[in-house]
Amino acid sequence: MESKFQTRNMPISFSVVRQKLLVRLNTLDRAFERHILTPSVSRYVDRFALQEGLLSSLWQAWCEFCRDVVIGAVQGATTTTGIVVSSQAYAARTEAEIAYIAKQLAQQRNVTTIKPISGRYSEPTWGDVNKLNLIVTGLGPSNQQTLLSGFGGVTSIKDLQICRNASAHINGENIAKVRAARVRYLHTAFKHPSDTMRWIVPTTKDYLWRSWIDEMELVSDLATQ
């Protein structure tokens, strides 16, 4: 049976990892322009489905980038500035083992044993910056401070996580979190949590969707140096 995890024999390139994210962001942003700025559907249910799909895809792109960067920094990677990084403690571990360690660290558990994680469905939420700080600190790659500094600049992506979770799991608790986020934005009426992508950021006078894209581009640049 084919393994769910990749085997790596040489350092990955953070330039390649970041470029993969940028291509994905550009694709999603074009879809936003086609279907949201110039609505291609008129029924609410159709619009919500399109918006929810974009939210989910954007969140997944961010999570995948964070995962690639952290695991790469542990096993061995070349940064965009040409520096080779790795973790002295865990560089020899497999991807599945590193994911298992990351899960323990994200849950603030002591890492007493190391084994392959059962599957990617069991992995931590890589895009959650609060968990990322715990994971990066515990894994201790040589570019730890660069990663912590880069991911520490995340602000609006935290609201993406709130809005995506509320769209995927509509319940009173998640809707309350969306309502609490309204104080940071303008034109915040919504019929569905995915409407948040069209809220306006006061400082830029642009859509919140664009703020998420811009922040991912900036943070990915800082974290991969």
N, C-alpha and C. Protein backbone atom coordinates (compact mmCIF):
# COMPACT_ATOMS: atom_id res chain seq x y z
N MET A 1 0.84 -1.19 0.00
CA MET A 1 0.00 0.00 0.00
C MET A 1 0.88 1.25 0.00
N GLU A 2 0.51 2.23 -0.78
CA GLU A 2 1.29 3.46 -0.87
C GLU A 2 1.16 4.26 0.42
N SER A 3 2.29 4.80 0.90
CA SER A 3 2.29 5.57 2.14
C SER A 3 1.55 6.88 1.94
N LYS A 4 0.90 7.34 3.02
CA LYS A 4 0.22 8.64 2.99
C LYS A 4 1.22 9.78 3.13
N PHE A 5 2.44 9.46 3.53
CA PHE A 5 3.44 10.48 3.81
C PHE A 5 4.61 10.35 2.84
N GLN A 6 5.22 11.48 2.55
CA GLN A 6 6.34 11.51 1.62
C GLN A 6 7.64 11.13 2.32
N THR A 7 8.54 10.50 1.55
CA THR A 7 9.89 10.22 2.04
C THR A 7 10.82 11.25 1.44
N ARG A 8 11.63 11.87 2.25
CA ARG A 8 12.47 12.96 1.78
C ARG A 8 13.94 12.60 1.96
N ASN A 9 14.73 12.74 0.90
CA ASN A 9 16.15 12.41 0.95
C ASN A 9 17.03 13.64 0.87
N MET A 10 16.47 14.78 0.57
CA MET A 10 17.27 15.99 0.44
C MET A 10 16.42 17.18 0.89
N PRO A 11 17.09 18.29 1.28
CA PRO A 11 16.34 19.45 1.76
C PRO A 11 15.36 19.96 0.71
N ILE A 12 14.19 20.37 1.16
CA ILE A 12 13.23 20.98 0.24
C ILE A 12 13.59 22.46 0.07
N SER A 13 13.03 23.06 -0.93
CA SER A 13 13.25 24.48 -1.19
C SER A 13 12.05 25.28 -0.70
N PHE A 14 12.30 26.22 0.21
CA PHE A 14 11.22 27.09 0.67
C PHE A 14 10.73 28.00 -0.46
N SER A 15 11.58 28.28 -1.43
CA SER A 15 11.14 29.08 -2.58
C SER A 15 10.04 28.35 -3.33
N VAL A 16 10.21 27.04 -3.49
CA VAL A 16 9.20 26.22 -4.17
C VAL A 16 7.93 26.15 -3.34
N VAL A 17 8.08 25.97 -2.03
CA VAL A 17 6.92 25.89 -1.14
C VAL A 17 6.11 27.19 -1.20
N ARG A 18 6.80 28.32 -1.15
CA ARG A 18 6.09 29.60 -1.18
C ARG A 18 5.45 29.84 -2.54
N GLN A 19 6.16 29.48 -3.60
CA GLN A 19 5.59 29.69 -4.93
C GLN A 19 4.32 28.89 -5.12
N LYS A 20 4.28 27.68 -4.57
CA LYS A 20 3.06 26.87 -4.65
C LYS A 20 1.90 27.58 -3.97
N LEU A 21 2.17 28.22 -2.84
CA LEU A 21 1.12 28.98 -2.15
C LEU A 21 0.68 30.16 -2.99
N LEU A 22 1.62 30.91 -3.55
CA LEU A 22 1.28 32.10 -4.32
C LEU A 22 0.44 31.76 -5.54
N VAL A 23 0.76 30.67 -6.20
CA VAL A 23 -0.03 30.24 -7.36
C VAL A 23 -1.46 29.93 -6.93
N ARG A 24 -1.58 29.24 -5.81
CA ARG A 24 -2.91 28.89 -5.30
C ARG A 24 -3.70 30.15 -4.92
N LEU A 25 -3.04 31.10 -4.28
CA LEU A 25 -3.71 32.34 -3.89
C LEU A 25 -4.19 33.11 -5.11
N ASN A 26 -3.38 33.15 -6.14
CA ASN A 26 -3.76 33.86 -7.36
C ASN A 26 -4.98 33.21 -8.02
N THR A 27 -4.99 31.88 -8.03
CA THR A 27 -6.12 31.16 -8.60
C THR A 27 -7.41 31.45 -7.84
N LEU A 28 -7.32 31.42 -6.52
CA LEU A 28 -8.50 31.67 -5.69
C LEU A 28 -8.96 33.12 -5.79
N ASP A 29 -8.02 34.04 -5.88
CA ASP A 29 -8.39 35.46 -5.97
C ASP A 29 -9.10 35.75 -7.29
N ARG A 30 -8.67 35.09 -8.36
CA ARG A 30 -9.36 35.26 -9.64
C ARG A 30 -10.78 34.71 -9.57
N ALA A 31 -10.93 33.61 -8.85
CA ALA A 31 -12.28 33.05 -8.67
C ALA A 31 -13.15 34.00 -7.87
N PHE A 32 -12.57 34.65 -6.87
CA PHE A 32 -13.29 35.65 -6.07
C PHE A 32 -13.79 36.77 -6.97
N GLU A 33 -12.94 37.24 -7.87
CA GLU A 33 -13.33 38.32 -8.77
C GLU A 33 -14.44 37.88 -9.73
N ARG A 34 -14.35 36.66 -10.22
CA ARG A 34 -15.34 36.17 -11.19
C ARG A 34 -16.71 35.95 -10.56
N HIS A 35 -16.72 35.34 -9.40
CA HIS A 35 -17.98 34.86 -8.84
C HIS A 35 -18.55 35.73 -7.72
N ILE A 36 -17.70 36.51 -7.06
CA ILE A 36 -18.18 37.29 -5.91
C ILE A 36 -18.32 38.77 -6.27
N LEU A 37 -17.29 39.36 -6.85
CA LEU A 37 -17.37 40.78 -7.21
C LEU A 37 -18.39 41.00 -8.32
N THR A 38 -18.44 40.07 -9.26
CA THR A 38 -19.46 40.10 -10.30
C THR A 38 -20.26 38.81 -10.16
N PRO A 39 -21.27 38.83 -9.32
CA PRO A 39 -21.97 37.59 -8.96
C PRO A 39 -22.43 36.79 -10.18
N SER A 40 -22.05 35.52 -10.20
CA SER A 40 -22.45 34.63 -11.30
C SER A 40 -23.72 33.87 -10.96
N VAL A 41 -24.18 34.02 -9.72
CA VAL A 41 -25.42 33.36 -9.29
C VAL A 41 -26.25 34.38 -8.52
N SER A 42 -27.55 34.18 -8.52
CA SER A 42 -28.44 35.13 -7.86
C SER A 42 -29.07 34.57 -6.60
N ARG A 43 -29.22 33.27 -6.51
CA ARG A 43 -29.84 32.68 -5.34
C ARG A 43 -28.87 32.65 -4.16
N TYR A 44 -29.40 32.94 -2.98
CA TYR A 44 -28.56 32.95 -1.79
C TYR A 44 -27.84 31.62 -1.59
N VAL A 45 -28.57 30.53 -1.74
CA VAL A 45 -27.97 29.22 -1.47
C VAL A 45 -26.79 28.95 -2.41
N ASP A 46 -26.89 29.41 -3.65
CA ASP A 46 -25.80 29.22 -4.60
C ASP A 46 -24.61 30.11 -4.24
N ARG A 47 -24.91 31.34 -3.85
CA ARG A 47 -23.83 32.26 -3.47
C ARG A 47 -23.10 31.76 -2.24
N PHE A 48 -23.85 31.29 -1.26
CA PHE A 48 -23.23 30.80 -0.04
C PHE A 48 -22.32 29.60 -0.34
N ALA A 49 -22.76 28.74 -1.23
CA ALA A 49 -21.96 27.56 -1.59
C ALA A 49 -20.64 27.97 -2.23
N LEU A 50 -20.70 28.96 -3.14
CA LEU A 50 -19.48 29.45 -3.78
C LEU A 50 -18.55 30.09 -2.75
N GLN A 51 -19.11 30.93 -1.90
CA GLN A 51 -18.29 31.61 -0.90
C GLN A 51 -17.66 30.63 0.08
N GLU A 52 -18.46 29.67 0.52
CA GLU A 52 -17.94 28.68 1.46
C GLU A 52 -16.81 27.88 0.83
N GLY A 53 -16.94 27.56 -0.45
CA GLY A 53 -15.89 26.84 -1.14
C GLY A 53 -14.60 27.64 -1.21
N LEU A 54 -14.71 28.93 -1.48
CA LEU A 54 -13.53 29.78 -1.53
C LEU A 54 -12.88 29.91 -0.15
N LEU A 55 -13.70 30.10 0.87
CA LEU A 55 -13.17 30.18 2.24
C LEU A 55 -12.40 28.91 2.60
N SER A 56 -13.00 27.78 2.34
CA SER A 56 -12.39 26.51 2.68
C SER A 56 -11.09 26.30 1.91
N SER A 57 -11.09 26.62 0.63
CA SER A 57 -9.90 26.43 -0.19
C SER A 57 -8.77 27.34 0.26
N LEU A 58 -9.11 28.58 0.63
CA LEU A 58 -8.09 29.51 1.10
C LEU A 58 -7.48 29.03 2.41
N TRP A 59 -8.33 28.58 3.32
CA TRP A 59 -7.85 28.08 4.61
C TRP A 59 -6.98 26.84 4.41
N GLN A 60 -7.36 25.95 3.53
CA GLN A 60 -6.57 24.74 3.28
C GLN A 60 -5.22 25.09 2.66
N ALA A 61 -5.19 26.08 1.77
CA ALA A 61 -3.92 26.49 1.17
C ALA A 61 -2.97 27.02 2.23
N TRP A 62 -3.51 27.80 3.17
CA TRP A 62 -2.70 28.33 4.26
C TRP A 62 -2.18 27.21 5.16
N CYS A 63 -3.05 26.30 5.53
CA CYS A 63 -2.65 25.19 6.40
C CYS A 63 -1.58 24.32 5.75
N GLU A 64 -1.73 24.07 4.46
CA GLU A 64 -0.76 23.24 3.74
C GLU A 64 0.60 23.93 3.69
N PHE A 65 0.60 25.24 3.48
CA PHE A 65 1.85 25.99 3.48
C PHE A 65 2.54 25.89 4.84
N CYS A 66 1.78 26.12 5.90
CA CYS A 66 2.36 26.07 7.25
C CYS A 66 2.93 24.68 7.53
N ARG A 67 2.21 23.65 7.15
CA ARG A 67 2.68 22.28 7.36
C ARG A 67 3.99 22.04 6.61
N ASP A 68 4.02 22.41 5.33
CA ASP A 68 5.22 22.19 4.52
C ASP A 68 6.43 22.91 5.09
N VAL A 69 6.22 24.14 5.55
CA VAL A 69 7.33 24.93 6.08
C VAL A 69 7.85 24.35 7.39
N VAL A 70 6.95 23.98 8.29
CA VAL A 70 7.38 23.47 9.59
C VAL A 70 8.07 22.12 9.45
N ILE A 71 7.45 21.20 8.74
CA ILE A 71 8.07 19.88 8.57
C ILE A 71 9.37 20.00 7.78
N GLY A 72 9.39 20.87 6.79
CA GLY A 72 10.62 21.10 6.04
C GLY A 72 11.72 21.66 6.90
N ALA A 73 11.38 22.59 7.77
CA ALA A 73 12.38 23.20 8.66
C ALA A 73 12.96 22.17 9.62
N VAL A 74 12.19 21.16 9.95
CA VAL A 74 12.66 20.12 10.86
C VAL A 74 13.53 19.10 10.12
N GLN A 75 13.05 18.59 9.00
CA GLN A 75 13.78 17.55 8.27
C GLN A 75 14.96 18.10 7.49
N GLY A 76 14.87 19.34 7.07
CA GLY A 76 15.93 19.96 6.30
C GLY A 76 15.36 20.73 5.13
N ALA A 77 15.71 22.01 5.03
CA ALA A 77 15.19 22.86 3.96
C ALA A 77 16.18 23.97 3.66
N THR A 78 16.09 24.50 2.45
CA THR A 78 16.87 25.67 2.07
C THR A 78 15.93 26.85 2.00
N THR A 79 16.22 27.89 2.77
CA THR A 79 15.35 29.05 2.82
C THR A 79 15.47 29.88 1.54
N THR A 80 14.62 30.86 1.41
CA THR A 80 14.66 31.72 0.22
C THR A 80 15.92 32.56 0.16
N THR A 81 16.62 32.67 1.29
CA THR A 81 17.89 33.41 1.31
C THR A 81 19.09 32.48 1.22
N GLY A 82 18.85 31.19 0.98
CA GLY A 82 19.94 30.25 0.76
C GLY A 82 20.50 29.58 1.99
N ILE A 83 19.85 29.74 3.13
CA ILE A 83 20.33 29.12 4.37
C ILE A 83 19.71 27.73 4.52
N VAL A 84 20.53 26.74 4.87
CA VAL A 84 20.03 25.39 5.11
C VAL A 84 19.66 25.26 6.58
N VAL A 85 18.44 24.84 6.84
CA VAL A 85 17.94 24.74 8.21
C VAL A 85 17.46 23.32 8.49
N SER A 86 17.44 22.97 9.77
CA SER A 86 16.91 21.67 10.20
C SER A 86 16.78 21.69 11.71
N SER A 87 16.26 20.62 12.27
CA SER A 87 16.16 20.47 13.72
C SER A 87 17.18 19.45 14.19
N GLN A 88 18.04 19.85 15.10
CA GLN A 88 19.06 18.94 15.60
C GLN A 88 18.43 17.73 16.29
N ALA A 89 17.31 17.95 16.95
CA ALA A 89 16.68 16.87 17.72
C ALA A 89 15.85 15.92 16.86
N TYR A 90 15.23 16.44 15.78
CA TYR A 90 14.23 15.63 15.08
C TYR A 90 14.46 15.50 13.58
N ALA A 91 15.60 15.94 13.06
CA ALA A 91 15.83 15.92 11.61
C ALA A 91 15.73 14.52 11.01
N ALA A 92 16.09 13.50 11.78
CA ALA A 92 16.09 12.13 11.26
C ALA A 92 14.71 11.48 11.32
N ARG A 93 13.76 12.15 11.92
CA ARG A 93 12.42 11.58 12.06
C ARG A 93 11.65 11.66 10.74
N THR A 94 10.73 10.73 10.56
CA THR A 94 9.91 10.72 9.36
C THR A 94 8.84 11.81 9.44
N GLU A 95 8.23 12.08 8.31
CA GLU A 95 7.16 13.07 8.27
C GLU A 95 6.02 12.70 9.21
N ALA A 96 5.66 11.42 9.22
CA ALA A 96 4.57 10.95 10.08
C ALA A 96 4.93 11.08 11.56
N GLU A 97 6.20 10.86 11.89
CA GLU A 97 6.64 11.00 13.28
C GLU A 97 6.65 12.46 13.71
N ILE A 98 7.09 13.33 12.81
CA ILE A 98 7.10 14.76 13.13
C ILE A 98 5.67 15.27 13.31
N ALA A 99 4.76 14.78 12.49
CA ALA A 99 3.35 15.17 12.64
C ALA A 99 2.81 14.71 13.99
N TYR A 100 3.22 13.53 14.42
CA TYR A 100 2.79 13.03 15.74
C TYR A 100 3.32 13.92 16.86
N ILE A 101 4.60 14.27 16.77
CA ILE A 101 5.20 15.15 17.77
C ILE A 101 4.48 16.49 17.79
N ALA A 102 4.20 17.02 16.59
CA ALA A 102 3.51 18.31 16.49
C ALA A 102 2.14 18.25 17.15
N LYS A 103 1.44 17.13 16.98
CA LYS A 103 0.12 16.99 17.60
C LYS A 103 0.24 17.03 19.12
N GLN A 104 1.24 16.36 19.67
CA GLN A 104 1.43 16.38 21.13
C GLN A 104 1.75 17.79 21.62
N LEU A 105 2.61 18.49 20.88
CA LEU A 105 2.99 19.85 21.27
C LEU A 105 1.80 20.80 21.18
N ALA A 106 0.99 20.65 20.14
CA ALA A 106 -0.18 21.51 19.96
C ALA A 106 -1.17 21.33 21.10
N GLN A 107 -1.22 20.13 21.66
CA GLN A 107 -2.12 19.84 22.77
C GLN A 107 -1.43 20.03 24.12
N GLN A 108 -0.22 20.60 24.07
CA GLN A 108 0.57 20.91 25.27
C GLN A 108 0.81 19.67 26.13
N ARG A 109 1.10 18.57 25.44
CA ARG A 109 1.44 17.32 26.12
C ARG A 109 2.95 17.10 26.05
N ASN A 110 3.49 16.42 27.04
CA ASN A 110 4.90 16.05 27.01
C ASN A 110 5.12 14.98 25.96
N VAL A 111 6.20 15.11 25.20
CA VAL A 111 6.53 14.12 24.18
C VAL A 111 7.39 13.04 24.83
N THR A 112 6.74 12.02 25.32
CA THR A 112 7.45 10.93 26.02
C THR A 112 7.76 9.76 25.09
N THR A 113 6.92 9.56 24.10
CA THR A 113 7.16 8.53 23.08
C THR A 113 6.93 9.14 21.71
N ILE A 114 7.58 8.58 20.71
CA ILE A 114 7.42 9.07 19.34
C ILE A 114 7.04 7.90 18.45
N LYS A 115 5.98 8.09 17.69
CA LYS A 115 5.51 7.07 16.76
C LYS A 115 4.87 7.77 15.57
N PRO A 116 4.68 7.07 14.47
CA PRO A 116 4.02 7.70 13.32
C PRO A 116 2.56 8.02 13.65
N ILE A 117 2.11 9.17 13.22
CA ILE A 117 0.71 9.53 13.43
C ILE A 117 -0.16 8.62 12.55
N SER A 118 -1.38 8.40 12.96
CA SER A 118 -2.23 7.42 12.27
C SER A 118 -2.66 7.86 10.87
N GLY A 119 -2.67 9.14 10.63
CA GLY A 119 -3.07 9.66 9.32
C GLY A 119 -3.17 11.17 9.36
N ARG A 120 -3.26 11.80 8.21
CA ARG A 120 -3.28 13.26 8.19
C ARG A 120 -4.52 13.83 8.85
N TYR A 121 -5.58 13.03 8.90
CA TYR A 121 -6.80 13.48 9.58
C TYR A 121 -6.57 13.68 11.07
N SER A 122 -5.51 13.08 11.62
CA SER A 122 -5.21 13.20 13.05
C SER A 122 -4.25 14.33 13.37
N GLU A 123 -3.75 14.99 12.34
CA GLU A 123 -2.73 16.02 12.55
C GLU A 123 -3.33 17.28 13.18
N PRO A 124 -2.46 18.12 13.75
CA PRO A 124 -2.95 19.38 14.33
C PRO A 124 -3.43 20.32 13.23
N THR A 125 -4.12 21.36 13.63
CA THR A 125 -4.54 22.39 12.68
C THR A 125 -3.33 23.28 12.42
N TRP A 126 -2.61 22.99 11.34
CA TRP A 126 -1.34 23.66 11.09
C TRP A 126 -1.48 25.16 10.90
N GLY A 127 -2.62 25.62 10.41
CA GLY A 127 -2.79 27.05 10.16
C GLY A 127 -3.14 27.86 11.38
N ASP A 128 -3.42 27.21 12.49
CA ASP A 128 -3.74 27.89 13.75
C ASP A 128 -2.45 28.41 14.35
N VAL A 129 -2.25 29.74 14.32
CA VAL A 129 -0.96 30.30 14.73
C VAL A 129 -0.68 30.10 16.21
N ASN A 130 -1.71 29.99 17.02
CA ASN A 130 -1.48 29.71 18.44
C ASN A 130 -0.86 28.33 18.62
N LYS A 131 -1.33 27.36 17.85
CA LYS A 131 -0.75 26.02 17.89
C LYS A 131 0.62 26.01 17.23
N LEU A 132 0.77 26.80 16.16
CA LEU A 132 2.05 26.86 15.46
C LEU A 132 3.18 27.30 16.38
N ASN A 133 2.92 28.27 17.22
CA ASN A 133 3.95 28.74 18.15
C ASN A 133 4.41 27.61 19.06
N LEU A 134 3.48 26.82 19.57
CA LEU A 134 3.83 25.69 20.43
C LEU A 134 4.61 24.64 19.65
N ILE A 135 4.18 24.37 18.43
CA ILE A 135 4.81 23.34 17.61
C ILE A 135 6.24 23.74 17.23
N VAL A 136 6.40 24.95 16.73
CA VAL A 136 7.73 25.41 16.30
C VAL A 136 8.69 25.45 17.47
N THR A 137 8.23 25.97 18.60
CA THR A 137 9.09 26.05 19.78
C THR A 137 9.51 24.66 20.24
N GLY A 138 8.59 23.72 20.24
CA GLY A 138 8.90 22.37 20.69
C GLY A 138 9.80 21.60 19.75
N LEU A 139 9.62 21.79 18.44
CA LEU A 139 10.43 21.08 17.46
C LEU A 139 11.82 21.69 17.33
N GLY A 140 11.95 22.97 17.61
CA GLY A 140 13.24 23.63 17.67
C GLY A 140 14.09 23.61 16.42
N PRO A 141 13.54 23.93 15.23
CA PRO A 141 14.39 24.02 14.04
C PRO A 141 15.35 25.19 14.18
N SER A 142 16.42 25.17 13.40
CA SER A 142 17.43 26.21 13.52
C SER A 142 16.92 27.58 13.09
N ASN A 143 15.85 27.64 12.33
CA ASN A 143 15.23 28.91 11.95
C ASN A 143 14.02 29.22 12.81
N GLN A 144 14.03 28.72 14.02
CA GLN A 144 12.89 28.88 14.93
C GLN A 144 12.46 30.33 15.09
N GLN A 145 13.41 31.21 15.32
CA GLN A 145 13.07 32.61 15.56
C GLN A 145 12.46 33.27 14.32
N THR A 146 12.96 32.89 13.14
CA THR A 146 12.39 33.42 11.90
C THR A 146 10.94 32.98 11.74
N LEU A 147 10.68 31.70 12.02
CA LEU A 147 9.32 31.18 11.92
C LEU A 147 8.40 31.85 12.92
N LEU A 148 8.86 31.97 14.16
CA LEU A 148 8.03 32.59 15.20
C LEU A 148 7.75 34.05 14.88
N SER A 149 8.75 34.73 14.35
CA SER A 149 8.58 36.13 13.99
C SER A 149 7.61 36.27 12.81
N GLY A 150 7.77 35.42 11.81
CA GLY A 150 6.89 35.48 10.64
C GLY A 150 5.45 35.17 10.98
N PHE A 151 5.24 34.05 11.65
CA PHE A 151 3.88 33.65 12.02
C PHE A 151 3.31 34.57 13.09
N GLY A 152 4.18 35.23 13.84
CA GLY A 152 3.71 36.16 14.87
C GLY A 152 3.06 37.40 14.28
N GLY A 153 3.26 37.63 12.99
CA GLY A 153 2.66 38.79 12.33
C GLY A 153 1.23 38.56 11.87
N VAL A 154 0.72 37.37 12.11
CA VAL A 154 -0.64 37.03 11.66
C VAL A 154 -1.68 37.76 12.50
N THR A 155 -2.60 38.44 11.84
CA THR A 155 -3.74 39.08 12.53
C THR A 155 -5.05 38.70 11.85
N SER A 156 -5.22 39.09 10.59
CA SER A 156 -6.50 38.86 9.92
C SER A 156 -6.74 37.38 9.61
N ILE A 157 -5.67 36.60 9.45
CA ILE A 157 -5.85 35.17 9.17
C ILE A 157 -6.55 34.47 10.33
N LYS A 158 -6.41 35.02 11.52
CA LYS A 158 -7.14 34.45 12.67
C LYS A 158 -8.64 34.56 12.45
N ASP A 159 -9.06 35.67 11.82
CA ASP A 159 -10.49 35.82 11.53
C ASP A 159 -10.92 34.92 10.38
N LEU A 160 -10.01 34.63 9.46
CA LEU A 160 -10.32 33.65 8.42
C LEU A 160 -10.65 32.30 9.06
N GLN A 161 -9.87 31.92 10.05
CA GLN A 161 -10.12 30.65 10.73
C GLN A 161 -11.50 30.64 11.40
N ILE A 162 -11.84 31.76 12.03
CA ILE A 162 -13.15 31.87 12.68
C ILE A 162 -14.28 31.75 11.65
N CYS A 163 -14.14 32.49 10.54
CA CYS A 163 -15.19 32.52 9.53
C CYS A 163 -15.31 31.19 8.79
N ARG A 164 -14.18 30.57 8.52
CA ARG A 164 -14.21 29.27 7.85
C ARG A 164 -14.85 28.22 8.75
N ASN A 165 -14.48 28.21 10.02
CA ASN A 165 -15.06 27.23 10.95
C ASN A 165 -16.57 27.44 11.09
N ALA A 166 -16.98 28.71 11.13
CA ALA A 166 -18.41 29.00 11.26
C ALA A 166 -19.18 28.59 10.01
N SER A 167 -18.54 28.71 8.85
CA SER A 167 -19.19 28.30 7.60
C SER A 167 -19.31 26.78 7.50
N ALA A 168 -18.26 26.10 7.96
CA ALA A 168 -18.24 24.64 7.87
C ALA A 168 -19.06 23.98 8.98
N HIS A 169 -19.17 24.66 10.11
CA HIS A 169 -19.88 24.10 11.27
C HIS A 169 -20.79 25.19 11.85
N ILE A 170 -21.94 25.38 11.24
CA ILE A 170 -22.84 26.45 11.66
C ILE A 170 -23.54 26.07 12.96
N ASN A 171 -23.21 26.81 14.00
CA ASN A 171 -23.87 26.63 15.30
C ASN A 171 -23.78 27.95 16.06
N GLY A 172 -24.48 28.04 17.16
CA GLY A 172 -24.56 29.29 17.90
C GLY A 172 -23.22 29.79 18.39
N GLU A 173 -22.38 28.88 18.85
CA GLU A 173 -21.07 29.28 19.38
C GLU A 173 -20.20 29.89 18.29
N ASN A 174 -20.15 29.25 17.12
CA ASN A 174 -19.32 29.77 16.04
C ASN A 174 -19.87 31.07 15.46
N ILE A 175 -21.20 31.18 15.37
CA ILE A 175 -21.79 32.43 14.89
C ILE A 175 -21.49 33.57 15.85
N ALA A 176 -21.47 33.28 17.15
CA ALA A 176 -21.14 34.31 18.14
C ALA A 176 -19.72 34.82 17.94
N LYS A 177 -18.80 33.95 17.56
CA LYS A 177 -17.42 34.37 17.30
C LYS A 177 -17.35 35.27 16.07
N VAL A 178 -18.16 34.96 15.06
CA VAL A 178 -18.20 35.82 13.87
C VAL A 178 -18.75 37.19 14.24
N ARG A 179 -19.81 37.22 15.03
CA ARG A 179 -20.38 38.51 15.44
C ARG A 179 -19.38 39.32 16.25
N ALA A 180 -18.60 38.65 17.08
CA ALA A 180 -17.61 39.35 17.90
C ALA A 180 -16.52 39.98 17.04
N ALA A 181 -16.26 39.39 15.87
CA ALA A 181 -15.21 39.91 14.98
C ALA A 181 -15.67 41.15 14.21
N ARG A 182 -16.96 41.44 14.21
CA ARG A 182 -17.49 42.55 13.41
C ARG A 182 -16.92 43.90 13.82
N VAL A 183 -16.53 44.05 15.06
CA VAL A 183 -16.06 45.35 15.55
C VAL A 183 -14.81 45.82 14.81
N ARG A 184 -14.10 44.91 14.16
CA ARG A 184 -12.85 45.27 13.48
C ARG A 184 -13.07 45.71 12.03
N TYR A 185 -14.31 45.64 11.54
CA TYR A 185 -14.55 45.87 10.12
C TYR A 185 -15.77 46.76 9.88
N LEU A 186 -15.98 47.10 8.61
CA LEU A 186 -17.11 47.93 8.19
C LEU A 186 -18.04 47.10 7.30
N HIS A 187 -19.30 47.56 7.20
CA HIS A 187 -20.29 46.91 6.34
C HIS A 187 -20.38 45.42 6.66
N THR A 188 -20.70 45.13 7.91
CA THR A 188 -20.58 43.76 8.41
C THR A 188 -21.90 42.99 8.51
N ALA A 189 -22.89 43.39 7.75
CA ALA A 189 -24.12 42.59 7.71
C ALA A 189 -23.80 41.24 7.08
N PHE A 190 -24.43 40.18 7.56
CA PHE A 190 -24.22 38.87 6.94
C PHE A 190 -25.43 37.97 7.16
N LYS A 191 -25.72 37.19 6.14
CA LYS A 191 -26.77 36.18 6.22
C LYS A 191 -26.18 34.79 6.43
N HIS A 192 -24.90 34.66 6.10
CA HIS A 192 -24.18 33.39 6.20
C HIS A 192 -22.74 33.75 6.59
N PRO A 193 -22.06 32.92 7.38
CA PRO A 193 -20.69 33.25 7.80
C PRO A 193 -19.75 33.55 6.64
N SER A 194 -20.00 32.95 5.49
CA SER A 194 -19.11 33.19 4.35
C SER A 194 -19.22 34.61 3.80
N ASP A 195 -20.29 35.34 4.16
CA ASP A 195 -20.41 36.73 3.73
C ASP A 195 -19.30 37.60 4.30
N THR A 196 -18.60 37.12 5.31
CA THR A 196 -17.53 37.90 5.93
C THR A 196 -16.43 38.26 4.94
N MET A 197 -16.26 37.49 3.90
CA MET A 197 -15.19 37.79 2.93
C MET A 197 -15.42 39.13 2.25
N ARG A 198 -16.68 39.63 2.30
CA ARG A 198 -16.98 40.90 1.66
C ARG A 198 -17.09 42.05 2.66
N TRP A 199 -16.74 41.78 3.91
CA TRP A 199 -16.62 42.88 4.87
C TRP A 199 -15.48 43.79 4.43
N ILE A 200 -15.50 45.02 4.91
CA ILE A 200 -14.49 46.00 4.50
C ILE A 200 -13.51 46.26 5.65
N VAL A 201 -12.22 46.24 5.32
CA VAL A 201 -11.17 46.54 6.29
C VAL A 201 -10.99 48.06 6.36
N PRO A 202 -11.15 48.69 7.52
CA PRO A 202 -11.12 50.16 7.60
C PRO A 202 -9.83 50.78 7.07
N THR A 203 -8.69 50.16 7.35
CA THR A 203 -7.41 50.77 6.97
C THR A 203 -7.14 50.71 5.47
N THR A 204 -7.67 49.71 4.79
CA THR A 204 -7.39 49.56 3.36
C THR A 204 -8.59 49.90 2.48
N LYS A 205 -9.78 49.97 3.08
CA LYS A 205 -11.02 50.19 2.33
C LYS A 205 -11.25 49.10 1.28
N ASP A 206 -10.70 47.93 1.53
CA ASP A 206 -10.84 46.82 0.61
C ASP A 206 -11.51 45.64 1.32
N TYR A 207 -11.84 44.62 0.55
CA TYR A 207 -12.52 43.47 1.12
C TYR A 207 -11.62 42.70 2.09
N LEU A 208 -12.24 42.11 3.10
CA LEU A 208 -11.50 41.27 4.05
C LEU A 208 -10.82 40.12 3.34
N TRP A 209 -11.43 39.59 2.30
CA TRP A 209 -10.81 38.54 1.49
C TRP A 209 -9.42 38.96 1.04
N ARG A 210 -9.31 40.19 0.56
CA ARG A 210 -8.03 40.68 0.06
C ARG A 210 -7.02 40.82 1.20
N SER A 211 -7.49 41.16 2.37
CA SER A 211 -6.61 41.25 3.53
C SER A 211 -6.03 39.88 3.86
N TRP A 212 -6.85 38.84 3.76
CA TRP A 212 -6.34 37.49 4.01
C TRP A 212 -5.26 37.11 2.99
N ILE A 213 -5.53 37.41 1.73
CA ILE A 213 -4.56 37.11 0.67
C ILE A 213 -3.26 37.86 0.91
N ASP A 214 -3.37 39.17 1.16
CA ASP A 214 -2.18 40.00 1.35
C ASP A 214 -1.36 39.53 2.55
N GLU A 215 -2.04 39.16 3.63
CA GLU A 215 -1.32 38.73 4.82
C GLU A 215 -0.61 37.40 4.58
N MET A 216 -1.23 36.50 3.87
CA MET A 216 -0.58 35.24 3.55
C MET A 216 0.67 35.46 2.71
N GLU A 217 0.59 36.37 1.75
CA GLU A 217 1.75 36.68 0.92
C GLU A 217 2.88 37.25 1.77
N LEU A 218 2.55 38.17 2.68
CA LEU A 218 3.57 38.80 3.52
C LEU A 218 4.18 37.81 4.51
N VAL A 219 3.33 37.10 5.23
CA VAL A 219 3.82 36.17 6.25
C VAL A 219 4.63 35.05 5.61
N SER A 220 4.19 34.56 4.46
CA SER A 220 4.94 33.49 3.80
C SER A 220 6.32 33.96 3.36
N ASP A 221 6.43 35.22 2.99
CA ASP A 221 7.73 35.79 2.64
C ASP A 221 8.64 35.84 3.85
N LEU A 222 8.12 36.32 4.98
CA LEU A 222 8.93 36.45 6.19
C LEU A 222 9.33 35.08 6.75
N ALA A 223 8.40 34.14 6.76
CA ALA A 223 8.65 32.84 7.40
C ALA A 223 9.62 31.96 6.62
N THR A 224 9.78 32.23 5.34
CA THR A 224 10.64 31.36 4.53
C THR A 224 12.03 31.92 4.30
N GLN A 225 12.34 33.05 4.89
CA GLN A 225 13.67 33.66 4.70
C GLN A 225 14.75 32.94 5.49
